[in-house]
């Protein structure tokens, strides 16, 4: 009788266990596809300031670099780079801008950005390898620079240098324009369509 009682209890426990295992206990996991970035998300001014000890092509020593990538709504853009010595507000060297480092852009579904030459329409390779570090005129060589967009950041890669750039707010963009004003001013009328860099007032550029 005792054996029969334990058998009944075991069966009851099994039935109760099965009945308690409902849909709420085993929810279906739905994996949402990652949203594809749209062009509008990319439009803006992307930048980063980082330590980098080296010398310019003219031999001027510097300790940090401001790297900025401007992406315009008309699918043009350019790269700016300023080298700073840590002592003065003005950069010891400026590179890039529309005239020297202008590009056309196309955002692909996987987040890679296809760059092109605004003058010839030639597109640059999305994948390339180059050894060693780079800065200055080399860093703003668009044909040797890779850009990609993911999770609200732009990644810029050139040679052995990779930097993650954040999108600047309007006030940040104005401050960056002020720091790089000589370069932006010298190129402002030379850009595609003669446009002022988006987001900047003429007062910010002067």
Protein backbone atom coordinates (compact mmCIF):
# COMPACT_ATOMS: atom_id res chain seq x y z
CA UNK A 1 0.00 0.00 0.00
CA UNK A 2 2.85 2.33 0.88
CA UNK A 3 4.54 1.65 -2.47
CA UNK A 4 1.28 2.35 -4.32
CA UNK A 5 0.87 5.65 -2.42
CA UNK A 6 4.33 6.88 -3.46
CA UNK A 7 3.62 5.88 -7.06
CA UNK A 8 0.42 7.96 -7.07
CA UNK A 9 2.26 10.94 -5.55
CA UNK A 10 5.01 10.70 -8.19
CA UNK A 11 2.48 10.66 -11.02
CA UNK A 12 0.63 13.64 -9.49
CA UNK A 13 3.86 15.61 -9.19
CA UNK A 14 4.71 14.87 -12.83
CA UNK A 15 1.26 16.00 -14.01
CA UNK A 16 1.45 19.17 -11.95
CA UNK A 17 4.93 19.90 -13.31
CA UNK A 18 3.73 19.45 -16.88
CA UNK A 19 0.68 21.66 -16.38
CA UNK A 20 2.77 24.47 -14.86
CA UNK A 21 5.09 24.58 -17.89
CA UNK A 22 3.00 26.96 -19.97
CA UNK A 23 3.83 29.51 -22.64
CA UNK A 24 4.86 32.10 -20.06
CA UNK A 25 7.59 29.76 -18.75
CA UNK A 26 9.06 29.16 -22.19
CA UNK A 27 8.65 32.41 -24.10
CA UNK A 28 9.54 32.41 -27.76
CA UNK A 29 12.70 34.44 -28.33
CA UNK A 30 12.26 36.72 -31.30
CA UNK A 31 15.49 38.08 -32.75
CA UNK A 32 14.79 41.42 -34.35
CA UNK A 33 16.95 42.24 -37.36
CA UNK A 34 19.30 45.13 -36.79
CA UNK A 35 17.86 48.29 -38.30
CA UNK A 36 19.60 49.42 -41.44
CA UNK A 37 21.10 52.88 -41.04
CA UNK A 38 19.65 55.55 -43.25
CA UNK A 39 21.47 58.39 -44.91
CA UNK A 40 20.00 61.05 -42.65
CA UNK A 41 21.55 59.45 -39.56
CA UNK A 42 24.98 59.86 -41.09
CA UNK A 43 24.64 63.52 -42.04
CA UNK A 44 26.52 65.75 -39.63
CA UNK A 45 29.95 66.52 -38.22
CA UNK A 46 31.87 63.60 -36.66
CA UNK A 47 34.98 64.17 -34.59
CA UNK A 48 37.46 63.01 -31.97
CA UNK A 49 40.49 64.52 -30.25
CA UNK A 50 43.20 62.09 -29.24
CA UNK A 51 46.79 62.06 -28.07
CA UNK A 52 49.34 61.54 -30.82
CA UNK A 53 52.97 62.56 -30.35
CA UNK A 54 54.82 63.15 -33.61
CA UNK A 55 56.03 65.93 -35.89
CA UNK A 56 54.43 67.55 -38.91
CA UNK A 57 55.84 67.40 -42.41
CA UNK A 58 57.46 70.76 -41.63
CA UNK A 59 59.07 69.30 -38.49
CA UNK A 60 56.80 70.98 -35.94
CA UNK A 61 56.23 68.73 -32.89
CA UNK A 62 52.68 68.06 -31.75
CA UNK A 63 51.03 66.06 -28.98
CA UNK A 64 47.39 65.70 -30.01
CA UNK A 65 45.18 65.61 -33.07
CA UNK A 66 41.62 66.71 -33.82
CA UNK A 67 40.15 64.52 -36.54
CA UNK A 68 36.81 65.57 -38.03
CA UNK A 69 34.71 64.18 -40.86
CA UNK A 70 31.96 66.31 -42.33
CA UNK A 71 29.09 64.46 -44.03
CA UNK A 72 26.67 66.61 -46.03
CA UNK A 73 23.11 65.88 -47.04
CA UNK A 74 23.97 66.26 -50.74
CA UNK A 75 26.26 63.20 -50.44
CA UNK A 76 29.48 65.17 -50.31
CA UNK A 77 31.87 65.61 -47.42
CA UNK A 78 35.47 66.06 -46.38
CA UNK A 79 38.07 65.26 -43.74
CA UNK A 80 39.76 67.82 -41.49
CA UNK A 81 42.78 67.23 -39.30
CA UNK A 82 44.50 69.65 -36.95
CA UNK A 83 47.71 68.93 -35.00
CA UNK A 84 48.12 70.68 -31.62
CA UNK A 85 51.14 71.10 -29.34
CA UNK A 86 49.20 71.24 -26.06
CA UNK A 87 50.34 74.78 -25.33
CA UNK A 88 48.51 76.92 -27.89
CA UNK A 89 44.87 77.03 -28.95
CA UNK A 90 45.86 77.40 -32.58
CA UNK A 91 46.97 74.23 -34.37
CA UNK A 92 50.59 73.89 -35.41
CA UNK A 93 49.43 72.32 -38.68
CA UNK A 94 46.14 71.92 -40.59
CA UNK A 95 45.26 69.41 -43.26
CA UNK A 96 42.26 68.45 -45.35
CA UNK A 97 39.15 70.43 -46.17
CA UNK A 98 37.00 70.38 -49.30
CA UNK A 99 39.80 71.25 -51.68
CA UNK A 100 42.29 68.63 -50.51
CA UNK A 101 40.14 65.96 -48.88
CA UNK A 102 36.69 66.24 -50.37
CA UNK A 103 34.66 63.13 -51.18
CA UNK A 104 31.30 61.84 -52.30
CA UNK A 105 29.67 59.17 -50.14
CA UNK A 106 27.21 56.31 -50.28
CA UNK A 107 26.05 54.46 -47.15
CA UNK A 108 25.75 50.72 -47.77
CA UNK A 109 23.36 48.37 -45.96
CA UNK A 110 26.16 46.87 -43.87
CA UNK A 111 27.27 50.27 -42.57
CA UNK A 112 30.29 50.68 -44.79
CA UNK A 113 30.61 54.02 -46.50
CA UNK A 114 31.70 54.02 -50.12
CA UNK A 115 33.79 57.11 -50.80
CA UNK A 116 34.43 58.66 -54.17
CA UNK A 117 36.23 61.48 -55.92
CA UNK A 118 33.86 64.46 -56.36
CA UNK A 119 35.76 65.59 -59.46
CA UNK A 120 36.04 62.34 -61.41
CA UNK A 121 33.30 60.20 -59.87
CA UNK A 122 35.84 57.44 -59.25
CA UNK A 123 35.02 55.33 -56.20
CA UNK A 124 37.65 54.11 -53.77
CA UNK A 125 38.08 50.51 -52.65
CA UNK A 126 36.14 49.57 -49.51
CA UNK A 127 38.82 47.13 -48.35
CA UNK A 128 42.51 47.86 -48.33
CA UNK A 129 45.53 47.23 -46.15
CA UNK A 130 48.34 49.59 -45.40
CA UNK A 131 51.07 49.25 -42.85
CA UNK A 132 52.30 51.72 -40.27
CA UNK A 133 50.75 54.77 -38.66
CA UNK A 134 49.69 57.84 -40.55
CA UNK A 135 48.79 61.49 -39.97
CA UNK A 136 48.75 64.82 -41.71
CA UNK A 137 48.49 64.72 -45.47
CA UNK A 138 48.47 60.93 -45.37
CA UNK A 139 45.63 60.78 -42.84
CA UNK A 140 43.48 63.04 -45.01
CA UNK A 141 44.20 61.05 -48.18
CA UNK A 142 40.61 59.99 -48.88
CA UNK A 143 41.64 57.22 -51.27
CA UNK A 144 43.44 55.54 -48.35
CA UNK A 145 40.75 56.15 -45.72
CA UNK A 146 37.91 53.78 -44.78
CA UNK A 147 34.75 55.00 -43.06
CA UNK A 148 31.96 52.91 -41.57
CA UNK A 149 28.85 53.71 -39.53
CA UNK A 150 27.39 51.62 -36.69
CA UNK A 151 25.49 52.22 -33.44
CA UNK A 152 25.64 55.99 -33.74
CA UNK A 153 29.38 56.24 -34.33
CA UNK A 154 31.63 56.59 -37.35
CA UNK A 155 34.86 54.61 -37.50
CA UNK A 156 37.70 56.09 -39.54
CA UNK A 157 40.61 53.85 -40.49
CA UNK A 158 43.78 54.86 -42.28
CA UNK A 159 46.88 52.68 -42.25
CA UNK A 160 47.58 51.65 -38.66
CA UNK A 161 45.29 54.36 -37.23
CA UNK A 162 41.66 53.63 -36.32
CA UNK A 163 39.51 56.18 -34.51
CA UNK A 164 35.89 56.11 -33.38
CA UNK A 165 34.23 59.45 -34.06
CA UNK A 166 31.23 60.86 -32.22
CA UNK A 167 28.59 63.10 -33.78
CA UNK A 168 29.04 66.72 -32.74
CA UNK A 169 26.19 68.80 -31.43
CA UNK A 170 25.61 72.22 -32.98
CA UNK A 171 27.63 73.92 -30.25
CA UNK A 172 30.44 71.37 -30.55
CA UNK A 173 30.51 71.79 -34.31
CA UNK A 174 30.85 75.55 -33.90
CA UNK A 175 33.71 75.08 -31.42
CA UNK A 176 35.48 72.64 -33.74
CA UNK A 177 35.03 75.06 -36.61
CA UNK A 178 36.63 77.75 -34.48
CA UNK A 179 39.66 75.56 -33.71
CA UNK A 180 40.08 74.62 -37.34
CA UNK A 181 38.91 77.98 -38.68
CA UNK A 182 41.97 78.65 -40.86
CA UNK A 183 41.50 75.42 -42.78
CA UNK A 184 37.73 75.70 -43.02
CA UNK A 185 37.93 79.36 -44.04
CA UNK A 186 40.44 78.67 -46.76
CA UNK A 187 38.26 75.95 -48.25
CA UNK A 188 34.76 77.17 -47.54
CA UNK A 189 34.21 78.61 -51.02
CA UNK A 190 36.00 75.76 -52.76
CA UNK A 191 33.71 72.94 -51.68
CA UNK A 192 31.26 71.03 -53.87
CA UNK A 193 28.71 73.54 -55.08
CA UNK A 194 30.52 76.30 -53.19
CA UNK A 195 28.58 75.47 -50.03
CA UNK A 196 29.35 76.52 -46.51
CA UNK A 197 29.93 73.43 -44.31
CA UNK A 198 26.53 72.36 -43.04
CA UNK A 199 25.68 73.50 -39.53
CA UNK A 200 28.11 76.42 -39.48
CA UNK A 201 27.26 80.08 -39.56
CA UNK A 202 29.59 82.47 -41.30
CA UNK A 203 30.28 84.01 -37.85
CA UNK A 204 31.48 80.62 -36.60
CA UNK A 205 33.88 80.26 -39.48
CA UNK A 206 35.50 83.69 -39.28
